[in-house]
PDB file of all heavy atoms in Angstrom:
ATOM      1  N   PRO A   1       0.836  -1.191  -0.002  1.00  0.00           N
ATOM      2  CA  PRO A   1       0.001  -0.001   0.001  1.00  0.00           C
ATOM      3  C   PRO A   1       0.882   1.256   0.001  1.00  0.00           C
ATOM      4  O   PRO A   1       1.958   1.262   0.582  1.00  0.00           O
ATOM      5  CB  PRO A   1      -0.788  -0.122   1.308  1.00  0.00           C
ATOM      6  CG  PRO A   1      -0.698  -1.564   1.680  1.00  0.00           C
ATOM      7  CD  PRO A   1       0.630  -2.006   1.186  1.00  0.00           C
ATOM      8  N   TRP A   2       0.420   2.310  -0.635  1.00  0.00           N
ATOM      9  CA  TRP A   2       1.184   3.550  -0.653  1.00  0.00           C
ATOM     10  C   TRP A   2       0.222   4.696  -0.885  1.00  0.00           C
ATOM     11  O   TRP A   2      -0.936   4.504  -1.210  1.00  0.00           O
ATOM     12  CB  TRP A   2       2.264   3.501  -1.744  1.00  0.00           C
ATOM     13  CG  TRP A   2       1.730   3.461  -3.136  1.00  0.00           C
ATOM     14  CD1 TRP A   2       1.081   2.428  -3.745  1.00  0.00           C
ATOM     15  CD2 TRP A   2       1.760   4.521  -4.093  1.00  0.00           C
ATOM     16  NE1 TRP A   2       0.717   2.772  -5.009  1.00  0.00           N
ATOM     17  CE2 TRP A   2       1.122   4.040  -5.259  1.00  0.00           C
ATOM     18  CE3 TRP A   2       2.275   5.818  -4.074  1.00  0.00           C
ATOM     19  CZ2 TRP A   2       0.984   4.822  -6.395  1.00  0.00           C
ATOM     20  CZ3 TRP A   2       2.132   6.598  -5.210  1.00  0.00           C
ATOM     21  CH2 TRP A   2       1.496   6.099  -6.349  1.00  0.00           C
ATOM     22  N   ASP A   3       0.709   5.906  -0.668  1.00  0.00           N
ATOM     23  CA  ASP A   3      -0.141   7.062  -0.923  1.00  0.00           C
ATOM     24  C   ASP A   3       0.458   7.879  -2.060  1.00  0.00           C
ATOM     25  O   ASP A   3       1.514   7.546  -2.585  1.00  0.00           O
ATOM     26  CB  ASP A   3      -0.319   7.910   0.341  1.00  0.00           C
ATOM     27  CG  ASP A   3       1.000   8.396   0.915  1.00  0.00           C
ATOM     28  OD1 ASP A   3       1.921   8.722   0.122  1.00  0.00           O
ATOM     29  OD2 ASP A   3       1.115   8.464   2.153  1.00  0.00           O
ATOM     30  N   ASN A   4      -0.247   8.963  -2.424  1.00  0.00           N
ATOM     31  CA  ASN A   4       0.170   9.742  -3.583  1.00  0.00           C
ATOM     32  C   ASN A   4       1.528  10.412  -3.389  1.00  0.00           C
ATOM     33  O   ASN A   4       2.164  10.819  -4.359  1.00  0.00           O
ATOM     34  CB  ASN A   4      -0.882  10.803  -3.910  1.00  0.00           C
ATOM     35  CG  ASN A   4      -2.165  10.190  -4.440  1.00  0.00           C
ATOM     36  OD1 ASN A   4      -2.139   9.109  -5.013  1.00  0.00           O
ATOM     37  ND2 ASN A   4      -3.282  10.871  -4.247  1.00  0.00           N
ATOM     38  N   GLY A   5       1.962  10.530  -2.135  1.00  0.00           N
ATOM     39  CA  GLY A   5       3.246  11.174  -1.890  1.00  0.00           C
ATOM     40  C   GLY A   5       4.423  10.239  -1.927  1.00  0.00           C
ATOM     41  O   GLY A   5       5.575  10.669  -1.844  1.00  0.00           O
ATOM     42  N   SER A   6       4.176   8.942  -2.047  1.00  0.00           N
ATOM     43  CA  SER A   6       5.262   7.960  -2.066  1.00  0.00           C
ATOM     44  C   SER A   6       5.813   7.811  -3.474  1.00  0.00           C
ATOM     45  O   SER A   6       5.062   7.572  -4.412  1.00  0.00           O
ATOM     46  CB  SER A   6       4.770   6.598  -1.569  1.00  0.00           C
ATOM     47  OG  SER A   6       4.248   6.700  -0.264  1.00  0.00           O
ATOM     48  N   PRO A   7       7.131   7.969  -3.625  1.00  0.00           N
ATOM     49  CA  PRO A   7       7.717   7.842  -4.966  1.00  0.00           C
ATOM     50  C   PRO A   7       7.692   6.405  -5.452  1.00  0.00           C
ATOM     51  O   PRO A   7       7.864   5.458  -4.682  1.00  0.00           O
ATOM     52  CB  PRO A   7       9.149   8.338  -4.762  1.00  0.00           C
ATOM     53  CG  PRO A   7       9.442   8.046  -3.319  1.00  0.00           C
ATOM     54  CD  PRO A   7       8.140   8.265  -2.588  1.00  0.00           C
ATOM     55  N   LEU A   8       7.463   6.219  -6.742  1.00  0.00           N
ATOM     56  CA  LEU A   8       7.489   4.899  -7.349  1.00  0.00           C
ATOM     57  C   LEU A   8       8.911   4.521  -7.720  1.00  0.00           C
ATOM     58  O   LEU A   8       9.712   5.369  -8.116  1.00  0.00           O
ATOM     59  CB  LEU A   8       6.634   4.868  -8.620  1.00  0.00           C
ATOM     60  CG  LEU A   8       5.116   4.799  -8.451  1.00  0.00           C
ATOM     61  CD1 LEU A   8       4.445   4.997  -9.795  1.00  0.00           C
ATOM     62  CD2 LEU A   8       4.709   3.473  -7.844  1.00  0.00           C
ATOM     63  N   GLY A   9       9.222   3.223  -7.581  1.00  0.00           N
ATOM     64  CA  GLY A   9      10.507   2.741  -8.039  1.00  0.00           C
ATOM     65  C   GLY A   9      10.546   2.714  -9.554  1.00  0.00           C
ATOM     66  O   GLY A   9       9.515   2.841 -10.229  1.00  0.00           O
ATOM     67  N   GLN A  10      11.720   2.521 -10.110  1.00  0.00           N
ATOM     68  CA  GLN A  10      11.876   2.563 -11.559  1.00  0.00           C
ATOM     69  C   GLN A  10      11.058   1.464 -12.244  1.00  0.00           C
ATOM     70  O   GLN A  10      10.569   1.656 -13.356  1.00  0.00           O
ATOM     71  CB  GLN A  10      13.355   2.417 -11.924  1.00  0.00           C
ATOM     72  CG  GLN A  10      13.635   2.610 -13.412  1.00  0.00           C
ATOM     73  CD  GLN A  10      15.127   2.595 -13.703  1.00  0.00           C
ATOM     74  OE1 GLN A  10      15.939   2.346 -12.820  1.00  0.00           O
ATOM     75  NE2 GLN A  10      15.494   2.877 -14.938  1.00  0.00           N
ATOM     76  N   ASP A  11      10.890   0.327 -11.585  1.00  0.00           N
ATOM     77  CA  ASP A  11      10.173  -0.805 -12.189  1.00  0.00           C
ATOM     78  C   ASP A  11       8.788  -0.985 -11.580  1.00  0.00           C
ATOM     79  O   ASP A  11       8.190  -2.046 -11.672  1.00  0.00           O
ATOM     80  CB  ASP A  11      10.993  -2.095 -12.020  1.00  0.00           C
ATOM     81  CG  ASP A  11      10.378  -3.268 -12.772  1.00  0.00           C
ATOM     82  OD1 ASP A  11      10.016  -3.083 -13.944  1.00  0.00           O
ATOM     83  OD2 ASP A  11      10.230  -4.349 -12.170  1.00  0.00           O
ATOM     84  N   GLU A  12       8.245   0.073 -10.941  1.00  0.00           N
ATOM     85  CA  GLU A  12       6.968  -0.058 -10.259  1.00  0.00           C
ATOM     86  C   GLU A  12       5.870   0.743 -10.953  1.00  0.00           C
ATOM     87  O   GLU A  12       6.122   1.782 -11.568  1.00  0.00           O
ATOM     88  CB  GLU A  12       7.085   0.407  -8.805  1.00  0.00           C
ATOM     89  CG  GLU A  12       7.956  -0.497  -7.952  1.00  0.00           C
ATOM     90  CD  GLU A  12       8.053   0.037  -6.529  1.00  0.00           C
ATOM     91  OE1 GLU A  12       7.885   1.252  -6.333  1.00  0.00           O
ATOM     92  OE2 GLU A  12       8.295  -0.768  -5.623  1.00  0.00           O
ATOM     93  N   VAL A  13       4.658   0.236 -10.811  1.00  0.00           N
ATOM     94  CA  VAL A  13       3.472   0.951 -11.281  1.00  0.00           C
ATOM     95  C   VAL A  13       2.418   0.866 -10.191  1.00  0.00           C
ATOM     96  O   VAL A  13       2.477  -0.001  -9.317  1.00  0.00           O
ATOM     97  CB  VAL A  13       2.913   0.352 -12.591  1.00  0.00           C
ATOM     98  CG1 VAL A  13       3.865   0.594 -13.742  1.00  0.00           C
ATOM     99  CG2 VAL A  13       2.609  -1.127 -12.428  1.00  0.00           C
ATOM    100  N   GLU A  14       1.455   1.767 -10.235  1.00  0.00           N
ATOM    101  CA  GLU A  14       0.376   1.778  -9.251  1.00  0.00           C
ATOM    102  C   GLU A  14      -0.877   1.152  -9.834  1.00  0.00           C
ATOM    103  O   GLU A  14      -1.218   1.368 -10.994  1.00  0.00           O
ATOM    104  CB  GLU A  14       0.082   3.206  -8.805  1.00  0.00           C
ATOM    105  CG  GLU A  14      -0.382   4.102  -9.932  1.00  0.00           C
ATOM    106  CD  GLU A  14      -0.672   5.520  -9.478  1.00  0.00           C
ATOM    107  OE1 GLU A  14       0.034   6.018  -8.589  1.00  0.00           O
ATOM    108  OE2 GLU A  14      -1.618   6.128 -10.025  1.00  0.00           O
ATOM    109  N   VAL A  15      -1.541   0.346  -9.019  1.00  0.00           N
ATOM    110  CA  VAL A  15      -2.795  -0.298  -9.418  1.00  0.00           C
ATOM    111  C   VAL A  15      -3.844   0.059  -8.374  1.00  0.00           C
ATOM    112  O   VAL A  15      -3.611  -0.122  -7.169  1.00  0.00           O
ATOM    113  CB  VAL A  15      -2.642  -1.832  -9.503  1.00  0.00           C
ATOM    114  CG1 VAL A  15      -3.981  -2.507  -9.756  1.00  0.00           C
ATOM    115  CG2 VAL A  15      -1.650  -2.199 -10.602  1.00  0.00           C
ATOM    116  N   PRO A  16      -4.986   0.601  -8.762  1.00  0.00           N
ATOM    117  CA  PRO A  16      -6.013   0.990  -7.781  1.00  0.00           C
ATOM    118  C   PRO A  16      -6.571  -0.218  -7.031  1.00  0.00           C
ATOM    119  O   PRO A  16      -6.768  -1.292  -7.601  1.00  0.00           O
ATOM    120  CB  PRO A  16      -7.090   1.662  -8.636  1.00  0.00           C
ATOM    121  CG  PRO A  16      -6.892   1.109 -10.002  1.00  0.00           C
ATOM    122  CD  PRO A  16      -5.424   0.883 -10.146  1.00  0.00           C
ATOM    123  N   PHE A  17      -6.809  -0.028  -5.735  1.00  0.00           N
ATOM    124  CA  PHE A  17      -7.362  -1.077  -4.879  1.00  0.00           C
ATOM    125  C   PHE A  17      -8.718  -0.591  -4.385  1.00  0.00           C
ATOM    126  O   PHE A  17      -8.804   0.260  -3.515  1.00  0.00           O
ATOM    127  CB  PHE A  17      -6.416  -1.346  -3.703  1.00  0.00           C
ATOM    128  CG  PHE A  17      -6.861  -2.448  -2.797  1.00  0.00           C
ATOM    129  CD1 PHE A  17      -7.739  -3.437  -3.217  1.00  0.00           C
ATOM    130  CD2 PHE A  17      -6.380  -2.503  -1.497  1.00  0.00           C
ATOM    131  CE1 PHE A  17      -8.136  -4.460  -2.383  1.00  0.00           C
ATOM    132  CE2 PHE A  17      -6.765  -3.524  -0.641  1.00  0.00           C
ATOM    133  CZ  PHE A  17      -7.640  -4.500  -1.086  1.00  0.00           C
ATOM    134  N   TYR A  18      -9.792  -1.133  -4.963  1.00  0.00           N
ATOM    135  CA  TYR A  18     -11.144  -0.716  -4.604  1.00  0.00           C
ATOM    136  C   TYR A  18     -11.588  -1.473  -3.366  1.00  0.00           C
ATOM    137  O   TYR A  18     -12.079  -2.598  -3.439  1.00  0.00           O
ATOM    138  CB  TYR A  18     -12.098  -0.963  -5.777  1.00  0.00           C
ATOM    139  CG  TYR A  18     -11.762  -0.151  -6.997  1.00  0.00           C
ATOM    140  CD1 TYR A  18     -11.199  -0.757  -8.109  1.00  0.00           C
ATOM    141  CD2 TYR A  18     -11.990   1.220  -7.021  1.00  0.00           C
ATOM    142  CE1 TYR A  18     -10.888  -0.011  -9.234  1.00  0.00           C
ATOM    143  CE2 TYR A  18     -11.678   1.963  -8.138  1.00  0.00           C
ATOM    144  CZ  TYR A  18     -11.129   1.350  -9.239  1.00  0.00           C
ATOM    145  OH  TYR A  18     -10.811   2.089 -10.349  1.00  0.00           O
ATOM    146  N   MET A  19     -11.409  -0.859  -2.206  1.00  0.00           N
ATOM    147  CA  MET A  19     -11.640  -1.554  -0.945  1.00  0.00           C
ATOM    148  C   MET A  19     -13.116  -1.738  -0.622  1.00  0.00           C
ATOM    149  O   MET A  19     -13.489  -2.632   0.125  1.00  0.00           O
ATOM    150  CB  MET A  19     -10.934  -0.820   0.202  1.00  0.00           C
ATOM    151  CG  MET A  19      -9.429  -0.745   0.040  1.00  0.00           C
ATOM    152  SD  MET A  19      -8.591  -0.083   1.500  1.00  0.00           S
ATOM    153  CE  MET A  19      -8.882  -1.393   2.673  1.00  0.00           C
ATOM    154  N   GLU A  20     -13.997  -0.902  -1.156  1.00  0.00           N
ATOM    155  CA  GLU A  20     -15.414  -1.029  -0.845  1.00  0.00           C
ATOM    156  C   GLU A  20     -16.141  -1.928  -1.845  1.00  0.00           C
ATOM    157  O   GLU A  20     -17.299  -2.240  -1.670  1.00  0.00           O
ATOM    158  CB  GLU A  20     -16.100   0.343  -0.814  1.00  0.00           C
ATOM    159  CG  GLU A  20     -15.885   1.088   0.476  1.00  0.00           C
ATOM    160  CD  GLU A  20     -16.827   2.269   0.612  1.00  0.00           C
ATOM    161  OE1 GLU A  20     -17.496   2.595  -0.375  1.00  0.00           O
ATOM    162  OE2 GLU A  20     -16.887   2.855   1.693  1.00  0.00           O
ATOM    163  N   VAL A  21     -15.441  -2.314  -2.892  1.00  0.00           N
ATOM    164  CA  VAL A  21     -16.054  -3.184  -3.884  1.00  0.00           C
ATOM    165  C   VAL A  21     -15.545  -4.590  -3.657  1.00  0.00           C
ATOM    166  O   VAL A  21     -14.383  -4.877  -3.840  1.00  0.00           O
ATOM    167  CB  VAL A  21     -15.703  -2.727  -5.315  1.00  0.00           C
ATOM    168  CG1 VAL A  21     -16.338  -3.668  -6.335  1.00  0.00           C
ATOM    169  CG2 VAL A  21     -16.196  -1.316  -5.536  1.00  0.00           C
ATOM    170  N   GLU A  22     -16.418  -5.474  -3.229  1.00  0.00           N
ATOM    171  CA  GLU A  22     -16.035  -6.859  -2.977  1.00  0.00           C
ATOM    172  C   GLU A  22     -16.635  -7.759  -4.040  1.00  0.00           C
ATOM    173  O   GLU A  22     -17.773  -7.563  -4.462  1.00  0.00           O
ATOM    174  CB  GLU A  22     -16.505  -7.310  -1.601  1.00  0.00           C
ATOM    175  CG  GLU A  22     -15.790  -6.627  -0.451  1.00  0.00           C
ATOM    176  CD  GLU A  22     -16.187  -7.220   0.879  1.00  0.00           C
ATOM    177  OE1 GLU A  22     -17.308  -7.753   0.964  1.00  0.00           O
ATOM    178  OE2 GLU A  22     -15.378  -7.174   1.802  1.00  0.00           O
ATOM    179  N   LEU A  23     -15.856  -8.737  -4.474  1.00  0.00           N
ATOM    180  CA  LEU A  23     -16.381  -9.747  -5.367  1.00  0.00           C
ATOM    181  C   LEU A  23     -16.884 -10.881  -4.503  1.00  0.00           C
ATOM    182  O   LEU A  23     -16.141 -11.462  -3.728  1.00  0.00           O
ATOM    183  CB  LEU A  23     -15.292 -10.251  -6.312  1.00  0.00           C
ATOM    184  CG  LEU A  23     -14.772  -9.200  -7.292  1.00  0.00           C
ATOM    185  CD1 LEU A  23     -13.684  -9.811  -8.142  1.00  0.00           C
ATOM    186  CD2 LEU A  23     -15.890  -8.697  -8.171  1.00  0.00           C
ATOM    187  N   ALA A  24     -18.137 -11.197  -4.616  1.00  0.00           N
ATOM    188  CA  ALA A  24     -18.726 -12.189  -3.737  1.00  0.00           C
ATOM    189  C   ALA A  24     -18.398 -13.592  -4.217  1.00  0.00           C
ATOM    190  O   ALA A  24     -18.772 -13.982  -5.301  1.00  0.00           O
ATOM    191  CB  ALA A  24     -20.240 -12.001  -3.677  1.00  0.00           C
ATOM    192  N   ALA A  25     -17.667 -14.334  -3.403  1.00  0.00           N
ATOM    193  CA  ALA A  25     -17.385 -15.734  -3.686  1.00  0.00           C
ATOM    194  C   ALA A  25     -18.398 -16.557  -2.919  1.00  0.00           C
ATOM    195  O   ALA A  25     -18.113 -17.185  -1.917  1.00  0.00           O
ATOM    196  CB  ALA A  25     -15.955 -16.086  -3.282  1.00  0.00           C
ATOM    197  N   GLY A  26     -19.608 -16.529  -3.360  1.00  0.00           N
ATOM    198  CA  GLY A  26     -20.701 -17.185  -2.663  1.00  0.00           C
ATOM    199  C   GLY A  26     -21.981 -16.761  -3.345  1.00  0.00           C
ATOM    200  O   GLY A  26     -22.087 -16.751  -4.564  1.00  0.00           O
ATOM    201  N   GLU A  27     -22.961 -16.363  -2.580  1.00  0.00           N
ATOM    202  CA  GLU A  27     -24.231 -15.945  -3.169  1.00  0.00           C
ATOM    203  C   GLU A  27     -24.143 -14.546  -3.777  1.00  0.00           C
ATOM    204  O   GLU A  27     -25.003 -14.139  -4.532  1.00  0.00           O
ATOM    205  CB  GLU A  27     -25.333 -15.967  -2.093  1.00  0.00           C
ATOM    206  CG  GLU A  27     -25.633 -17.368  -1.592  1.00  0.00           C
ATOM    207  CD  GLU A  27     -26.029 -18.322  -2.707  1.00  0.00           C
ATOM    208  OE1 GLU A  27     -26.702 -17.896  -3.652  1.00  0.00           O
ATOM    209  OE2 GLU A  27     -25.650 -19.495  -2.637  1.00  0.00           O
ATOM    210  N   GLY A  28     -23.092 -13.810  -3.432  1.00  0.00           N
ATOM    211  CA  GLY A  28     -22.917 -12.487  -4.024  1.00  0.00           C
ATOM    212  C   GLY A  28     -23.424 -11.379  -3.130  1.00  0.00           C
ATOM    213  O   GLY A  28     -24.214 -11.592  -2.231  1.00  0.00           O
ATOM    214  N   ILE A  29     -22.909 -10.168  -3.360  1.00  0.00           N
ATOM    215  CA  ILE A  29     -23.372  -9.007  -2.619  1.00  0.00           C
ATOM    216  C   ILE A  29     -23.732  -7.928  -3.621  1.00  0.00           C
ATOM    217  O   ILE A  29     -23.244  -7.910  -4.747  1.00  0.00           O
ATOM    218  CB  ILE A  29     -22.295  -8.474  -1.647  1.00  0.00           C
ATOM    219  CG1 ILE A  29     -21.005  -8.121  -2.410  1.00  0.00           C
ATOM    220  CG2 ILE A  29     -22.011  -9.460  -0.555  1.00  0.00           C
ATOM    221  CD1 ILE A  29     -19.979  -7.459  -1.535  1.00  0.00           C
ATOM    222  N   THR A  30     -24.598  -7.036  -3.215  1.00  0.00           N
ATOM    223  CA  THR A  30     -25.001  -5.950  -4.099  1.00  0.00           C
ATOM    224  C   THR A  30     -23.820  -5.053  -4.404  1.00  0.00           C
ATOM    225  O   THR A  30     -23.017  -4.750  -3.531  1.00  0.00           O
ATOM    226  CB  THR A  30     -26.119  -5.122  -3.443  1.00  0.00           C
ATOM    227  OG1 THR A  30     -27.207  -5.990  -3.129  1.00  0.00           O
ATOM    228  CG2 THR A  30     -26.599  -4.027  -4.375  1.00  0.00           C
ATOM    229  N   GLU A  31     -23.717  -4.624  -5.635  1.00  0.00           N
ATOM    230  CA  GLU A  31     -22.593  -3.791  -6.060  1.00  0.00           C
ATOM    231  C   GLU A  31     -22.566  -2.484  -5.280  1.00  0.00           C
ATOM    232  O   GLU A  31     -23.569  -1.801  -5.153  1.00  0.00           O
ATOM    233  CB  GLU A  31     -22.699  -3.507  -7.548  1.00  0.00           C
ATOM    234  CG  GLU A  31     -21.511  -2.721  -8.100  1.00  0.00           C
ATOM    235  CD  GLU A  31     -21.608  -2.576  -9.609  1.00  0.00           C
ATOM    236  OE1 GLU A  31     -22.600  -3.048 -10.182  1.00  0.00           O
ATOM    237  OE2 GLU A  31     -20.697  -1.980 -10.186  1.00  0.00           O
ATOM    238  N   ALA A  32     -21.407  -2.156  -4.732  1.00  0.00           N
ATOM    239  CA  ALA A  32     -21.247  -0.926  -3.962  1.00  0.00           C
ATOM    240  C   ALA A  32     -20.683   0.168  -4.865  1.00  0.00           C
ATOM    241  O   ALA A  32     -20.222  -0.083  -5.976  1.00  0.00           O
ATOM    242  CB  ALA A  32     -20.310  -1.157  -2.775  1.00  0.00           C
ATOM    243  N   VAL A  33     -20.711   1.382  -4.387  1.00  0.00           N
ATOM    244  CA  VAL A  33     -20.139   2.494  -5.133  1.00  0.00           C
ATOM    245  C   VAL A  33     -18.623   2.431  -5.025  1.00  0.00           C
ATOM    246  O   VAL A  33     -18.076   2.352  -3.934  1.00  0.00           O
ATOM    247  CB  VAL A  33     -20.639   3.849  -4.576  1.00  0.00           C
ATOM    248  CG1 VAL A  33     -19.975   4.999  -5.321  1.00  0.00           C
ATOM    249  CG2 VAL A  33     -22.154   3.930  -4.703  1.00  0.00           C
ATOM    250  N   GLU A  34     -17.951   2.452  -6.156  1.00  0.00           N
ATOM    251  CA  GLU A  34     -16.499   2.318  -6.156  1.00  0.00           C
ATOM    252  C   GLU A  34     -15.816   3.618  -5.742  1.00  0.00           C
ATOM    253  O   GLU A  34     -16.257   4.695  -6.080  1.00  0.00           O
ATOM    254  CB  GLU A  34     -16.008   1.903  -7.544  1.00  0.00           C
ATOM    255  CG  GLU A  34     -16.521   0.551  -7.989  1.00  0.00           C
ATOM    256  CD  GLU A  34     -15.936   0.121  -9.318  1.00  0.00           C
ATOM    257  OE1 GLU A  34     -15.076   0.857  -9.838  1.00  0.00           O
ATOM    258  OE2 GLU A  34     -16.336  -0.925  -9.820  1.00  0.00           O
ATOM    259  N   TYR A  35     -14.716   3.459  -5.013  1.00  0.00           N
ATOM    260  CA  TYR A  35     -13.873   4.606  -4.743  1.00  0.00           C
ATOM    261  C   TYR A  35     -12.448   4.105  -4.625  1.00  0.00           C
ATOM    262  O   TYR A  35     -12.202   2.946  -4.317  1.00  0.00           O
ATOM    263  CB  TYR A  35     -14.296   5.329  -3.455  1.00  0.00           C
ATOM    264  CG  TYR A  35     -13.758   4.710  -2.192  1.00  0.00           C
ATOM    265  CD1 TYR A  35     -12.678   5.282  -1.507  1.00  0.00           C
ATOM    266  CD2 TYR A  35     -14.312   3.543  -1.684  1.00  0.00           C
ATOM    267  CE1 TYR A  35     -12.191   4.703  -0.359  1.00  0.00           C
ATOM    268  CE2 TYR A  35     -13.816   2.968  -0.527  1.00  0.00           C
ATOM    269  CZ  TYR A  35     -12.763   3.557   0.133  1.00  0.00           C
ATOM    270  OH  TYR A  35     -12.268   2.972   1.268  1.00  0.00           O
ATOM    271  N   LYS A  36     -11.513   4.971  -4.877  1.00  0.00           N
ATOM    272  CA  LYS A  36     -10.111   4.582  -4.849  1.00  0.00           C
ATOM    273  C   LYS A  36      -9.588   4.632  -3.427  1.00  0.00           C
ATOM    274  O   LYS A  36      -9.437   5.698  -2.847  1.00  0.00           O
ATOM    275  CB  LYS A  36      -9.277   5.474  -5.754  1.00  0.00           C
ATOM    276  CG  LYS A  36      -9.520   5.225  -7.230  1.00  0.00           C
ATOM    277  CD  LYS A  36      -8.542   6.012  -8.085  1.00  0.00           C
ATOM    278  CE  LYS A  36      -8.766   5.726  -9.560  1.00  0.00           C
ATOM    279  NZ  LYS A  36      -7.810   6.464 -10.407  1.00  0.00           N
ATOM    280  N   GLY A  37      -9.281   3.475  -2.892  1.00  0.00           N
ATOM    281  CA  GLY A  37      -8.635   3.390  -1.600  1.00  0.00           C
ATOM    282  C   GLY A  37      -7.133   3.337  -1.817  1.00  0.00           C
ATOM    283  O   GLY A  37      -6.617   3.894  -2.793  1.00  0.00           O
ATOM    284  N   PRO A  38      -6.405   2.650  -0.928  1.00  0.00           N
ATOM    285  CA  PRO A  38      -4.952   2.543  -1.111  1.00  0.00           C
ATOM    286  C   PRO A  38      -4.618   1.856  -2.434  1.00  0.00           C
ATOM    287  O   PRO A  38      -5.345   0.994  -2.896  1.00  0.00           O
ATOM    288  CB  PRO A  38      -4.526   1.667   0.080  1.00  0.00           C
ATOM    289  CG  PRO A  38      -5.619   1.814   1.077  1.00  0.00           C
ATOM    290  CD  PRO A  38      -6.885   1.983   0.282  1.00  0.00           C
ATOM    291  N   LYS A  39      -3.536   2.305  -3.039  1.00  0.00           N
ATOM    292  CA  LYS A  39      -3.062   1.666  -4.264  1.00  0.00           C
ATOM    293  C   LYS A  39      -2.086   0.550  -3.905  1.00  0.00           C
ATOM    294  O   LYS A  39      -1.473   0.568  -2.848  1.00  0.00           O
ATOM    295  CB  LYS A  39      -2.398   2.692  -5.166  1.00  0.00           C
ATOM    296  CG  LYS A  39      -3.336   3.780  -5.677  1.00  0.00           C
ATOM    297  CD  LYS A  39      -2.605   4.693  -6.639  1.00  0.00           C
ATOM    298  CE  LYS A  39      -3.540   5.765  -7.197  1.00  0.00           C
ATOM    299  NZ  LYS A  39      -3.918   6.747  -6.165  1.00  0.00           N
ATOM    300  N   LEU A  40      -1.956  -0.410  -4.776  1.00  0.00           N
ATOM    301  CA  LEU A  40      -1.007  -1.494  -4.597  1.00  0.00           C
ATOM    302  C   LEU A  40       0.080  -1.380  -5.655  1.00  0.00           C
ATOM    303  O   LEU A  40      -0.187  -0.974  -6.792  1.00  0.00           O
ATOM    304  CB  LEU A  40      -1.703  -2.860  -4.720  1.00  0.00           C
ATOM    305  CG  LEU A  40      -2.847  -3.121  -3.746  1.00  0.00           C
ATOM    306  CD1 LEU A  40      -3.406  -4.520  -3.963  1.00  0.00           C
ATOM    307  CD2 LEU A  40      -2.393  -2.959  -2.305  1.00  0.00           C
ATOM    308  N   ARG A  41       1.292  -1.722  -5.275  1.00  0.00           N
ATOM    309  CA  ARG A  41       2.407  -1.623  -6.203  1.00  0.00           C
ATOM    310  C   ARG A  41       2.700  -2.975  -6.840  1.00  0.00           C
ATOM    311  O   ARG A  41       2.780  -3.984  -6.167  1.00  0.00           O
ATOM    312  CB  ARG A  41       3.660  -1.138  -5.475  1.00  0.00           C
ATOM    313  CG  ARG A  41       3.597   0.288  -4.994  1.00  0.00           C
ATOM    314  CD  ARG A  41       4.898   0.687  -4.354  1.00  0.00           C
ATOM    315  NE  ARG A  41       4.877   2.073  -3.916  1.00  0.00           N
ATOM    316  CZ  ARG A  41       5.926   2.698  -3.408  1.00  0.00           C
ATOM    317  NH1 ARG A  41       7.063   2.056  -3.240  1.00  0.00           N
ATOM    318  NH2 ARG A  41       5.825   3.966  -3.038  1.00  0.00           N
ATOM    319  N   PHE A  42       2.868  -2.947  -8.135  1.00  0.00           N
ATOM    320  CA  PHE A  42       3.281  -4.124  -8.885  1.00  0.00           C
ATOM    321  C   PHE A  42       4.527  -3.773  -9.689  1.00  0.00           C
ATOM    322  O   PHE A  42       4.685  -2.639 -10.153  1.00  0.00           O
ATOM    323  CB  PHE A  42       2.186  -4.577  -9.853  1.00  0.00           C
ATOM    324  CG  PHE A  42       1.089  -5.371  -9.213  1.00  0.00           C
ATOM    325  CD1 PHE A  42       0.039  -4.732  -8.570  1.00  0.00           C
ATOM    326  CD2 PHE A  42       1.093  -6.744  -9.264  1.00  0.00           C
ATOM    327  CE1 PHE A  42      -0.987  -5.453  -7.999  1.00  0.00           C
ATOM    328  CE2 PHE A  42       0.070  -7.483  -8.685  1.00  0.00           C
ATOM    329  CZ  PHE A  42      -0.964  -6.837  -8.045  1.00  0.00           C
ATOM    330  N   ALA A  43       5.382  -4.756  -9.884  1.00  0.00           N
ATOM    331  CA  ALA A  43       6.516  -4.568 -10.780  1.00  0.00           C
ATOM    332  C   ALA A  43       6.006  -4.572 -12.216  1.00  0.00           C
ATOM    333  O   ALA A  43       5.135  -5.357 -12.579  1.00  0.00           O
ATOM    334  CB  ALA A  43       7.544  -5.678 -10.579  1.00  0.00           C
ATOM    335  N   LYS A  44       6.539  -3.683 -13.031  1.00  0.00           N
ATOM    336  CA  LYS A  44       6.147  -3.645 -14.434  1.00  0.00           C
ATOM    337  C   LYS A  44       6.396  -4.992 -15.101  1.00  0.00           C
ATOM    338  O   LYS A  44       5.613  -5.438 -15.940  1.00  0.00           O
ATOM    339  CB  LYS A  44       6.935  -2.558 -15.167  1.00  0.00           C
ATOM    340  CG  LYS A  44       6.636  -1.140 -14.711  1.00  0.00           C
ATOM    341  CD  LYS A  44       7.512  -0.139 -15.455  1.00  0.00           C
ATOM    342  CE  LYS A  44       7.273   1.283 -14.959  1.00  0.00           C
ATOM    343  NZ  LYS A  44       8.166   2.253 -15.639  1.00  0.00           N
ATOM    344  N   SER A  45       7.499  -5.624 -14.722  1.00  0.00           N
ATOM    345  CA  SER A  45       7.835  -6.914 -15.325  1.00  0.00           C
ATOM    346  C   SER A  45       6.805  -7.980 -14.978  1.00  0.00           C
ATOM    347  O   SER A  45       6.531  -8.876 -15.777  1.00  0.00           O
ATOM    348  CB  SER A  45       9.224  -7.374 -14.852  1.00  0.00           C
ATOM    349  OG  SER A  45       9.287  -7.399 -13.428  1.00  0.00           O
ATOM    350  N   THR A  46       6.212  -7.875 -13.779  1.00  0.00           N
ATOM    351  CA  THR A  46       5.177  -8.834 -13.384  1.00  0.00           C
ATOM    352  C   THR A  46       3.963  -8.713 -14.286  1.00  0.00           C
ATOM    353  O   THR A  46       3.439  -9.707 -14.801  1.00  0.00           O
ATOM    354  CB  THR A  46       4.749  -8.589 -11.925  1.00  0.00           C
ATOM    355  OG1 THR A  46       5.861  -8.849 -11.065  1.00  0.00           O
ATOM    356  CG2 THR A  46       3.600  -9.498 -11.527  1.00  0.00           C
TER     357      THR A  46
END
């Protein structure tokens, strides 16, 4: 997790993490309103 003030590494990119939107692995839940919570870092090579 990181915030907008954290510098990205040369091989890193930011991916949005929608914390209020859950994918229901079961009977399902009603779709919630999406918002951008903490971002997750992935290596570009990944």
